[in-house]
Amino acid sequence: MTYPPPYEPPANDPLRKQDPGAGDNPPPADPGFGYQQPGFGQPDYGQPNYGQQGYGQPNYGQQGYGQPGYGQVPGFNPAGYPYTPVAQTNTSAVISLVLGIGAFVLVCGLVSIPAVIFGNKAIKEIDQSQGTQSGKGMAQAGQILGWIGIAISVIGIIGFVILVAASSGSS
């Protein structure tokens, strides 16, 4: 049984290894199987090459890491829309929310006021950041929980004063 000759890349393939001693050697003769259309795995002997590329991947001028690829403009994604940077969550917003939740879990009056203060600070910072910071909802939630905690503390203090006044007046 005879096998077809091994694959030879086309002469214009840039990845083809050049043999310095090869010069102008004629291609090997047809093994005698009759005419066969050159295809995958068969060399193209004497046929004109009309600018067709070989079977390898074409290089579209892709650049290294950090550089835009083929047809891309820096700052735009392939669809042509500008990249939207990922907004970082404001730290004061997280602190405000944690303190606002702590106003109900721990002691109402002690952490409610800082929750409102951090919430106000976070909302100002987020509004001035022009979209680079997020967390406005957390800051507002911390602020609201802080105000509720303050209200509960005030109601508790008024209730305590009324209770003390009622108990001292009855004795």
N, C-alpha and C. Protein backbone atom coordinates (compact mmCIF):
# COMPACT_ATOMS: atom_id res chain seq x y z
N MET A 1 0.84 -1.17 0.00
CA MET A 1 0.00 0.00 0.00
C MET A 1 0.89 1.24 0.00
N THR A 2 0.54 2.19 -0.84
CA THR A 2 1.32 3.42 -0.90
C THR A 2 0.54 4.55 -0.25
N TYR A 3 1.25 5.48 0.32
CA TYR A 3 0.63 6.62 1.02
C TYR A 3 0.92 7.88 0.23
N PRO A 4 0.02 8.87 0.35
CA PRO A 4 0.30 10.13 -0.34
C PRO A 4 1.50 10.82 0.30
N PRO A 5 2.14 11.70 -0.44
CA PRO A 5 3.31 12.39 0.12
C PRO A 5 2.90 13.28 1.29
N PRO A 6 3.82 13.57 2.20
CA PRO A 6 3.48 14.41 3.36
C PRO A 6 3.11 15.83 2.93
N TYR A 7 2.39 16.50 3.79
CA TYR A 7 1.93 17.87 3.51
C TYR A 7 3.11 18.82 3.46
N GLU A 8 3.13 19.63 2.44
CA GLU A 8 4.11 20.69 2.29
C GLU A 8 3.34 22.01 2.27
N PRO A 9 3.68 22.97 3.13
CA PRO A 9 2.98 24.25 3.07
C PRO A 9 3.29 24.98 1.77
N PRO A 10 2.39 25.87 1.34
CA PRO A 10 2.64 26.61 0.10
C PRO A 10 3.93 27.43 0.19
N ALA A 11 4.46 27.78 -0.94
CA ALA A 11 5.74 28.48 -1.00
C ALA A 11 5.66 29.87 -0.36
N ASN A 12 4.50 30.51 -0.39
CA ASN A 12 4.41 31.86 0.16
C ASN A 12 4.00 31.87 1.63
N ASP A 13 3.94 30.73 2.30
CA ASP A 13 3.57 30.65 3.70
C ASP A 13 4.70 31.24 4.55
N PRO A 14 4.41 32.30 5.36
CA PRO A 14 5.49 32.91 6.14
C PRO A 14 6.02 32.02 7.25
N LEU A 15 5.26 30.99 7.62
CA LEU A 15 5.70 30.09 8.68
C LEU A 15 6.52 28.92 8.15
N ARG A 16 6.63 28.82 6.85
CA ARG A 16 7.36 27.71 6.25
C ARG A 16 8.84 27.88 6.51
N LYS A 17 9.49 26.82 6.91
CA LYS A 17 10.92 26.86 7.16
C LYS A 17 11.65 26.90 5.82
N GLN A 18 12.55 27.82 5.73
CA GLN A 18 13.30 27.97 4.49
C GLN A 18 14.59 27.17 4.62
N ASP A 19 14.81 26.30 3.65
CA ASP A 19 16.03 25.51 3.60
C ASP A 19 17.02 26.28 2.73
N PRO A 20 18.14 26.73 3.31
CA PRO A 20 19.04 27.55 2.51
C PRO A 20 19.60 26.82 1.29
N GLY A 21 19.69 25.50 1.32
CA GLY A 21 20.25 24.76 0.20
C GLY A 21 19.19 24.31 -0.80
N ALA A 22 17.93 24.66 -0.55
CA ALA A 22 16.87 24.15 -1.41
C ALA A 22 16.90 24.83 -2.78
N GLY A 23 17.19 26.11 -2.85
CA GLY A 23 17.31 26.82 -4.11
C GLY A 23 16.10 26.64 -5.00
N ASP A 24 16.33 26.28 -6.26
CA ASP A 24 15.25 26.11 -7.24
C ASP A 24 15.07 24.63 -7.58
N ASN A 25 14.89 23.81 -6.58
CA ASN A 25 14.68 22.39 -6.86
C ASN A 25 13.30 22.19 -7.46
N PRO A 26 13.18 21.35 -8.48
CA PRO A 26 11.85 21.10 -9.06
C PRO A 26 11.03 20.25 -8.10
N PRO A 27 9.71 20.38 -8.16
CA PRO A 27 8.87 19.56 -7.29
C PRO A 27 8.96 18.09 -7.68
N PRO A 28 8.71 17.18 -6.75
CA PRO A 28 8.77 15.75 -7.08
C PRO A 28 7.71 15.40 -8.13
N ALA A 29 8.00 14.36 -8.86
CA ALA A 29 7.10 13.93 -9.94
C ALA A 29 5.82 13.32 -9.38
N ASP A 30 4.77 13.30 -10.20
CA ASP A 30 3.49 12.72 -9.84
C ASP A 30 3.70 11.22 -9.63
N PRO A 31 3.25 10.67 -8.48
CA PRO A 31 3.52 9.25 -8.22
C PRO A 31 2.80 8.30 -9.19
N GLY A 32 1.95 8.81 -10.08
CA GLY A 32 1.35 7.94 -11.07
C GLY A 32 -0.06 7.51 -10.75
N PHE A 33 -0.71 8.16 -9.81
CA PHE A 33 -2.09 7.79 -9.47
C PHE A 33 -3.11 8.51 -10.33
N GLY A 34 -2.64 9.20 -11.31
CA GLY A 34 -3.56 9.98 -12.12
C GLY A 34 -3.70 11.37 -11.54
N TYR A 35 -4.49 12.15 -12.17
CA TYR A 35 -4.65 13.53 -11.70
C TYR A 35 -5.55 13.57 -10.47
N GLN A 36 -5.07 14.27 -9.43
CA GLN A 36 -5.87 14.46 -8.23
C GLN A 36 -5.93 15.95 -7.92
N GLN A 37 -7.10 16.40 -7.54
CA GLN A 37 -7.25 17.81 -7.17
C GLN A 37 -6.49 18.02 -5.87
N PRO A 38 -5.60 19.01 -5.82
CA PRO A 38 -4.89 19.24 -4.55
C PRO A 38 -5.87 19.70 -3.48
N GLY A 39 -5.77 19.13 -2.32
CA GLY A 39 -6.66 19.47 -1.21
C GLY A 39 -5.88 19.46 0.09
N PHE A 40 -6.57 19.22 1.15
CA PHE A 40 -5.93 19.21 2.46
C PHE A 40 -4.96 18.04 2.54
N GLY A 41 -3.74 18.33 2.89
CA GLY A 41 -2.75 17.28 3.05
C GLY A 41 -2.05 16.91 1.76
N GLN A 42 -2.41 17.50 0.63
CA GLN A 42 -1.75 17.18 -0.63
C GLN A 42 -1.06 18.44 -1.14
N PRO A 43 0.16 18.30 -1.58
CA PRO A 43 0.87 19.47 -2.10
C PRO A 43 0.29 19.90 -3.45
N ASP A 44 0.49 21.16 -3.76
CA ASP A 44 0.00 21.73 -5.00
C ASP A 44 1.20 21.86 -5.95
N TYR A 45 1.40 20.88 -6.82
CA TYR A 45 2.57 20.88 -7.70
C TYR A 45 2.28 21.64 -8.98
N GLY A 46 2.98 22.72 -9.17
CA GLY A 46 2.92 23.43 -10.42
C GLY A 46 1.66 24.24 -10.63
N GLN A 47 0.74 24.23 -9.71
CA GLN A 47 -0.49 25.00 -9.89
C GLN A 47 -0.22 26.44 -9.46
N PRO A 48 -0.79 27.40 -10.17
CA PRO A 48 -0.56 28.80 -9.79
C PRO A 48 -1.27 29.11 -8.47
N ASN A 49 -0.62 29.92 -7.66
CA ASN A 49 -1.18 30.33 -6.37
C ASN A 49 -1.70 31.74 -6.54
N TYR A 50 -2.98 31.93 -6.45
CA TYR A 50 -3.60 33.22 -6.68
C TYR A 50 -3.79 33.99 -5.37
N GLY A 51 -2.75 34.10 -4.59
CA GLY A 51 -2.82 34.88 -3.36
C GLY A 51 -3.57 34.20 -2.24
N GLN A 52 -3.77 32.89 -2.35
CA GLN A 52 -4.48 32.18 -1.31
C GLN A 52 -3.52 31.88 -0.17
N GLN A 53 -4.05 31.99 1.04
CA GLN A 53 -3.22 31.71 2.20
C GLN A 53 -3.24 30.22 2.49
N GLY A 54 -2.25 29.80 3.28
CA GLY A 54 -2.17 28.40 3.66
C GLY A 54 -3.22 28.06 4.69
N TYR A 55 -3.05 26.91 5.31
CA TYR A 55 -4.04 26.43 6.27
C TYR A 55 -3.83 27.01 7.67
N GLY A 56 -2.76 27.72 7.92
CA GLY A 56 -2.49 28.29 9.24
C GLY A 56 -3.41 29.47 9.52
N GLN A 57 -3.40 29.93 10.75
CA GLN A 57 -4.22 31.08 11.11
C GLN A 57 -3.59 32.35 10.57
N PRO A 58 -4.40 33.22 10.00
CA PRO A 58 -3.84 34.48 9.52
C PRO A 58 -3.55 35.41 10.70
N ASN A 59 -2.57 36.27 10.53
CA ASN A 59 -2.22 37.23 11.56
C ASN A 59 -2.86 38.56 11.19
N TYR A 60 -3.76 39.04 12.01
CA TYR A 60 -4.47 40.27 11.73
C TYR A 60 -3.84 41.46 12.42
N GLY A 61 -2.58 41.40 12.73
CA GLY A 61 -1.91 42.53 13.35
C GLY A 61 -2.28 42.71 14.80
N GLN A 62 -2.58 41.62 15.48
CA GLN A 62 -2.94 41.73 16.89
C GLN A 62 -1.71 42.10 17.70
N GLN A 63 -1.93 42.94 18.67
CA GLN A 63 -0.83 43.43 19.46
C GLN A 63 -0.82 42.73 20.80
N GLY A 64 0.19 43.07 21.62
CA GLY A 64 0.36 42.42 22.91
C GLY A 64 -0.72 42.80 23.90
N TYR A 65 -0.55 42.33 25.12
CA TYR A 65 -1.53 42.59 26.17
C TYR A 65 -1.63 44.08 26.44
N GLY A 66 -2.82 44.53 26.75
CA GLY A 66 -3.04 45.92 27.07
C GLY A 66 -3.25 46.80 25.86
N GLN A 67 -3.07 46.27 24.68
CA GLN A 67 -3.25 47.04 23.46
C GLN A 67 -4.56 46.63 22.80
N PRO A 68 -5.23 47.54 22.12
CA PRO A 68 -6.46 47.14 21.43
C PRO A 68 -6.14 46.22 20.26
N GLY A 69 -7.03 45.29 19.98
CA GLY A 69 -6.83 44.34 18.88
C GLY A 69 -7.22 44.94 17.55
N TYR A 70 -7.47 44.10 16.60
CA TYR A 70 -7.78 44.50 15.24
C TYR A 70 -9.07 45.30 15.19
N GLY A 71 -9.02 46.50 14.68
CA GLY A 71 -10.21 47.30 14.48
C GLY A 71 -10.78 47.93 15.74
N GLN A 72 -10.03 47.93 16.82
CA GLN A 72 -10.55 48.49 18.06
C GLN A 72 -9.91 49.84 18.34
N VAL A 73 -10.70 50.73 18.88
CA VAL A 73 -10.22 52.05 19.26
C VAL A 73 -10.09 52.05 20.77
N PRO A 74 -8.98 52.58 21.31
CA PRO A 74 -8.84 52.58 22.77
C PRO A 74 -10.00 53.32 23.43
N GLY A 75 -10.53 52.72 24.51
CA GLY A 75 -11.64 53.31 25.24
C GLY A 75 -13.01 52.89 24.74
N PHE A 76 -13.06 52.06 23.70
CA PHE A 76 -14.33 51.59 23.16
C PHE A 76 -14.30 50.08 23.06
N ASN A 77 -15.43 49.44 23.36
CA ASN A 77 -15.50 47.99 23.22
C ASN A 77 -15.80 47.63 21.77
N PRO A 78 -15.77 46.36 21.38
CA PRO A 78 -15.95 46.00 19.97
C PRO A 78 -17.25 46.48 19.36
N ALA A 79 -18.29 46.69 20.15
CA ALA A 79 -19.56 47.15 19.59
C ALA A 79 -19.53 48.65 19.30
N GLY A 80 -18.49 49.35 19.72
CA GLY A 80 -18.37 50.77 19.45
C GLY A 80 -18.87 51.66 20.57
N TYR A 81 -19.38 51.07 21.64
CA TYR A 81 -19.85 51.85 22.76
C TYR A 81 -18.69 52.07 23.73
N PRO A 82 -18.66 53.21 24.42
CA PRO A 82 -17.56 53.43 25.35
C PRO A 82 -17.61 52.45 26.52
N TYR A 83 -16.43 52.11 27.02
CA TYR A 83 -16.36 51.24 28.19
C TYR A 83 -16.95 51.97 29.38
N THR A 84 -17.67 51.25 30.20
CA THR A 84 -18.19 51.82 31.43
C THR A 84 -17.37 51.25 32.57
N PRO A 85 -16.65 52.12 33.28
CA PRO A 85 -15.84 51.60 34.38
C PRO A 85 -16.73 51.06 35.50
N VAL A 86 -16.22 50.09 36.19
CA VAL A 86 -16.97 49.50 37.30
C VAL A 86 -16.86 50.44 38.49
N ALA A 87 -18.00 50.84 39.02
CA ALA A 87 -18.03 51.79 40.14
C ALA A 87 -17.67 51.06 41.44
N GLN A 88 -16.84 51.70 42.24
CA GLN A 88 -16.46 51.16 43.54
C GLN A 88 -17.49 51.58 44.58
N THR A 89 -17.81 50.68 45.49
CA THR A 89 -18.77 50.98 46.54
C THR A 89 -18.12 51.91 47.56
N ASN A 90 -18.82 52.96 47.91
CA ASN A 90 -18.32 53.95 48.86
C ASN A 90 -18.24 53.32 50.25
N THR A 91 -17.10 53.49 50.90
CA THR A 91 -16.88 52.89 52.22
C THR A 91 -17.81 53.51 53.26
N SER A 92 -18.03 54.82 53.18
CA SER A 92 -18.91 55.47 54.15
C SER A 92 -20.34 54.95 54.04
N ALA A 93 -20.76 54.57 52.83
CA ALA A 93 -22.10 54.01 52.65
C ALA A 93 -22.22 52.67 53.37
N VAL A 94 -21.18 51.85 53.26
CA VAL A 94 -21.19 50.56 53.95
C VAL A 94 -21.21 50.76 55.46
N ILE A 95 -20.39 51.69 55.94
CA ILE A 95 -20.34 51.97 57.39
C ILE A 95 -21.70 52.46 57.87
N SER A 96 -22.33 53.35 57.08
CA SER A 96 -23.65 53.88 57.46
C SER A 96 -24.68 52.76 57.57
N LEU A 97 -24.67 51.85 56.60
CA LEU A 97 -25.64 50.75 56.64
C LEU A 97 -25.39 49.83 57.83
N VAL A 98 -24.13 49.52 58.09
CA VAL A 98 -23.80 48.65 59.22
C VAL A 98 -24.22 49.31 60.54
N LEU A 99 -23.94 50.61 60.68
CA LEU A 99 -24.33 51.31 61.91
C LEU A 99 -25.85 51.42 62.01
N GLY A 100 -26.54 51.62 60.89
CA GLY A 100 -28.00 51.68 60.91
C GLY A 100 -28.63 50.37 61.34
N ILE A 101 -28.06 49.26 60.86
CA ILE A 101 -28.56 47.95 61.29
C ILE A 101 -28.21 47.73 62.76
N GLY A 102 -27.01 48.16 63.14
CA GLY A 102 -26.59 48.03 64.54
C GLY A 102 -27.44 48.84 65.48
N ALA A 103 -28.09 49.89 64.98
CA ALA A 103 -28.97 50.70 65.83
C ALA A 103 -30.14 49.88 66.34
N PHE A 104 -30.58 48.88 65.59
CA PHE A 104 -31.69 48.02 66.03
C PHE A 104 -31.19 46.81 66.80
N VAL A 105 -30.04 46.29 66.41
CA VAL A 105 -29.54 45.08 67.03
C VAL A 105 -28.87 45.39 68.37
N LEU A 106 -28.07 46.44 68.40
CA LEU A 106 -27.31 46.77 69.61
C LEU A 106 -28.08 47.78 70.46
N VAL A 107 -27.50 48.92 70.60
CA VAL A 107 -28.10 49.98 71.41
C VAL A 107 -28.53 51.08 70.46
N CYS A 108 -29.80 51.48 70.52
CA CYS A 108 -30.35 52.42 69.54
C CYS A 108 -29.63 53.76 69.52
N GLY A 109 -29.51 54.42 70.66
CA GLY A 109 -29.02 55.79 70.68
C GLY A 109 -27.54 55.95 70.36
N LEU A 110 -26.72 54.94 70.66
CA LEU A 110 -25.28 55.11 70.53
C LEU A 110 -24.79 55.08 69.08
N VAL A 111 -25.39 54.30 68.23
CA VAL A 111 -24.88 54.18 66.86
C VAL A 111 -25.81 54.80 65.82
N SER A 112 -26.94 55.33 66.24
CA SER A 112 -27.88 55.92 65.28
C SER A 112 -27.35 57.23 64.71
N ILE A 113 -26.80 58.07 65.56
CA ILE A 113 -26.30 59.37 65.11
C ILE A 113 -25.12 59.20 64.13
N PRO A 114 -24.12 58.34 64.43
CA PRO A 114 -23.06 58.13 63.43
C PRO A 114 -23.58 57.53 62.12
N ALA A 115 -24.64 56.73 62.17
CA ALA A 115 -25.21 56.18 60.94
C ALA A 115 -25.74 57.28 60.05
N VAL A 116 -26.40 58.27 60.64
CA VAL A 116 -26.92 59.41 59.88
C VAL A 116 -25.76 60.25 59.33
N ILE A 117 -24.74 60.48 60.16
CA ILE A 117 -23.59 61.29 59.73
C ILE A 117 -22.86 60.62 58.57
N PHE A 118 -22.56 59.33 58.71
CA PHE A 118 -21.87 58.62 57.62
C PHE A 118 -22.74 58.53 56.37
N GLY A 119 -24.06 58.41 56.54
CA GLY A 119 -24.96 58.37 55.39
C GLY A 119 -24.93 59.68 54.61
N ASN A 120 -24.97 60.82 55.33
CA ASN A 120 -24.88 62.13 54.67
C ASN A 120 -23.56 62.29 53.93
N LYS A 121 -22.47 61.89 54.60
CA LYS A 121 -21.14 62.00 53.99
C LYS A 121 -21.04 61.14 52.74
N ALA A 122 -21.56 59.93 52.80
CA ALA A 122 -21.48 59.01 51.65
C ALA A 122 -22.29 59.53 50.47
N ILE A 123 -23.47 60.07 50.73
CA ILE A 123 -24.31 60.58 49.62
C ILE A 123 -23.61 61.74 48.93
N LYS A 124 -22.98 62.64 49.69
CA LYS A 124 -22.25 63.76 49.09
C LYS A 124 -21.08 63.25 48.24
N GLU A 125 -20.32 62.29 48.78
CA GLU A 125 -19.17 61.75 48.03
C GLU A 125 -19.61 61.04 46.75
N ILE A 126 -20.69 60.29 46.82
CA ILE A 126 -21.18 59.55 45.64
C ILE A 126 -21.68 60.53 44.58
N ASP A 127 -22.37 61.59 45.00
CA ASP A 127 -22.86 62.58 44.03
C ASP A 127 -21.71 63.33 43.37
N GLN A 128 -20.62 63.57 44.08
CA GLN A 128 -19.48 64.29 43.52
C GLN A 128 -18.54 63.40 42.72
N SER A 129 -18.68 62.09 42.80
CA SER A 129 -17.75 61.17 42.13
C SER A 129 -18.03 61.00 40.64
N GLN A 130 -19.12 61.49 40.13
CA GLN A 130 -19.49 61.42 38.71
C GLN A 130 -19.56 59.98 38.21
N GLY A 131 -20.13 59.12 39.01
CA GLY A 131 -20.36 57.75 38.59
C GLY A 131 -19.25 56.76 38.91
N THR A 132 -18.16 57.19 39.51
CA THR A 132 -17.08 56.24 39.83
C THR A 132 -17.32 55.52 41.14
N GLN A 133 -18.28 56.00 41.94
CA GLN A 133 -18.61 55.34 43.20
C GLN A 133 -20.09 54.98 43.21
N SER A 134 -20.39 53.88 43.87
CA SER A 134 -21.77 53.44 44.01
C SER A 134 -22.08 53.22 45.48
N GLY A 135 -23.32 52.91 45.79
CA GLY A 135 -23.71 52.63 47.16
C GLY A 135 -24.65 53.66 47.74
N LYS A 136 -25.26 54.46 46.87
CA LYS A 136 -26.16 55.50 47.36
C LYS A 136 -27.36 54.88 48.08
N GLY A 137 -27.86 53.76 47.61
CA GLY A 137 -28.97 53.08 48.27
C GLY A 137 -28.60 52.60 49.65
N MET A 138 -27.36 52.09 49.79
CA MET A 138 -26.91 51.66 51.13
C MET A 138 -26.81 52.85 52.06
N ALA A 139 -26.29 53.97 51.55
CA ALA A 139 -26.15 55.16 52.38
C ALA A 139 -27.53 55.67 52.82
N GLN A 140 -28.48 55.66 51.88
CA GLN A 140 -29.83 56.12 52.24
C GLN A 140 -30.48 55.18 53.24
N ALA A 141 -30.28 53.88 53.07
CA ALA A 141 -30.84 52.91 54.02
C ALA A 141 -30.23 53.10 55.40
N GLY A 142 -28.91 53.32 55.47
CA GLY A 142 -28.25 53.57 56.75
C GLY A 142 -28.75 54.84 57.40
N GLN A 143 -28.98 55.87 56.55
CA GLN A 143 -29.50 57.14 57.05
C GLN A 143 -30.91 56.96 57.63
N ILE A 144 -31.75 56.27 56.90
CA ILE A 144 -33.13 56.05 57.35
C ILE A 144 -33.16 55.22 58.63
N LEU A 145 -32.36 54.16 58.67
CA LEU A 145 -32.31 53.34 59.89
C LEU A 145 -31.76 54.15 61.06
N GLY A 146 -30.81 55.04 60.79
CA GLY A 146 -30.28 55.90 61.84
C GLY A 146 -31.33 56.85 62.39
N TRP A 147 -32.12 57.46 61.50
CA TRP A 147 -33.19 58.36 61.95
C TRP A 147 -34.26 57.60 62.73
N ILE A 148 -34.57 56.40 62.29
CA ILE A 148 -35.54 55.58 63.03
C ILE A 148 -34.98 55.24 64.41
N GLY A 149 -33.70 54.91 64.45
CA GLY A 149 -33.06 54.62 65.74
C GLY A 149 -33.06 55.83 66.66
N ILE A 150 -32.83 57.02 66.09
CA ILE A 150 -32.87 58.25 66.90
C ILE A 150 -34.28 58.47 67.43
N ALA A 151 -35.28 58.26 66.55
CA ALA A 151 -36.68 58.45 66.97
C ALA A 151 -37.05 57.48 68.09
N ILE A 152 -36.63 56.23 67.95
CA ILE A 152 -36.92 55.24 69.00
C ILE A 152 -36.21 55.62 70.29
N SER A 153 -34.99 56.13 70.19
CA SER A 153 -34.25 56.55 71.39
C SER A 153 -34.93 57.72 72.07
N VAL A 154 -35.38 58.70 71.28
CA VAL A 154 -36.06 59.86 71.86
C VAL A 154 -37.37 59.42 72.54
N ILE A 155 -38.13 58.56 71.86
CA ILE A 155 -39.37 58.05 72.45
C ILE A 155 -39.07 57.27 73.74
N GLY A 156 -37.98 56.50 73.73
CA GLY A 156 -37.60 55.75 74.93
C GLY A 156 -37.19 56.66 76.06
N ILE A 157 -36.46 57.75 75.74
CA ILE A 157 -36.05 58.69 76.80
C ILE A 157 -37.27 59.41 77.36
N ILE A 158 -38.19 59.85 76.48
CA ILE A 158 -39.41 60.53 76.95
C ILE A 158 -40.25 59.57 77.80
N GLY A 159 -40.35 58.34 77.40
CA GLY A 159 -41.09 57.34 78.17
C GLY A 159 -40.45 57.10 79.52
N PHE A 160 -39.11 57.06 79.55
CA PHE A 160 -38.40 56.86 80.81
C PHE A 160 -38.62 58.04 81.74
N VAL A 161 -38.57 59.27 81.19
CA VAL A 161 -38.78 60.47 82.02
C VAL A 161 -40.21 60.48 82.57
N ILE A 162 -41.18 60.13 81.74
CA ILE A 162 -42.58 60.08 82.20
C ILE A 162 -42.74 59.02 83.28
N LEU A 163 -42.09 57.87 83.09
CA LEU A 163 -42.18 56.80 84.08
C LEU A 163 -41.56 57.22 85.39
N VAL A 164 -40.40 57.89 85.36
CA VAL A 164 -39.73 58.36 86.58
C VAL A 164 -40.59 59.43 87.26
N ALA A 165 -41.14 60.33 86.45
CA ALA A 165 -41.97 61.42 87.04
C ALA A 165 -43.24 60.85 87.66
N ALA A 166 -43.81 59.86 87.02
CA ALA A 166 -45.03 59.24 87.55
C ALA A 166 -44.73 58.46 88.82
N SER A 167 -43.60 57.80 88.86
CA SER A 167 -43.28 57.00 90.05
C SER A 167 -42.87 57.90 91.23
N SER A 168 -42.23 59.01 90.96
CA SER A 168 -41.81 59.90 92.05
C SER A 168 -43.00 60.71 92.58
N GLY A 169 -43.98 60.98 91.73
CA GLY A 169 -45.15 61.75 92.16
C GLY A 169 -46.14 60.90 92.94
N SER A 170 -46.12 59.61 92.74
CA SER A 170 -47.08 58.74 93.42
C SER A 170 -46.61 58.31 94.81
N SER A 171 -45.36 58.52 95.13
CA SER A 171 -44.91 58.07 96.44
C SER A 171 -44.99 59.08 97.48
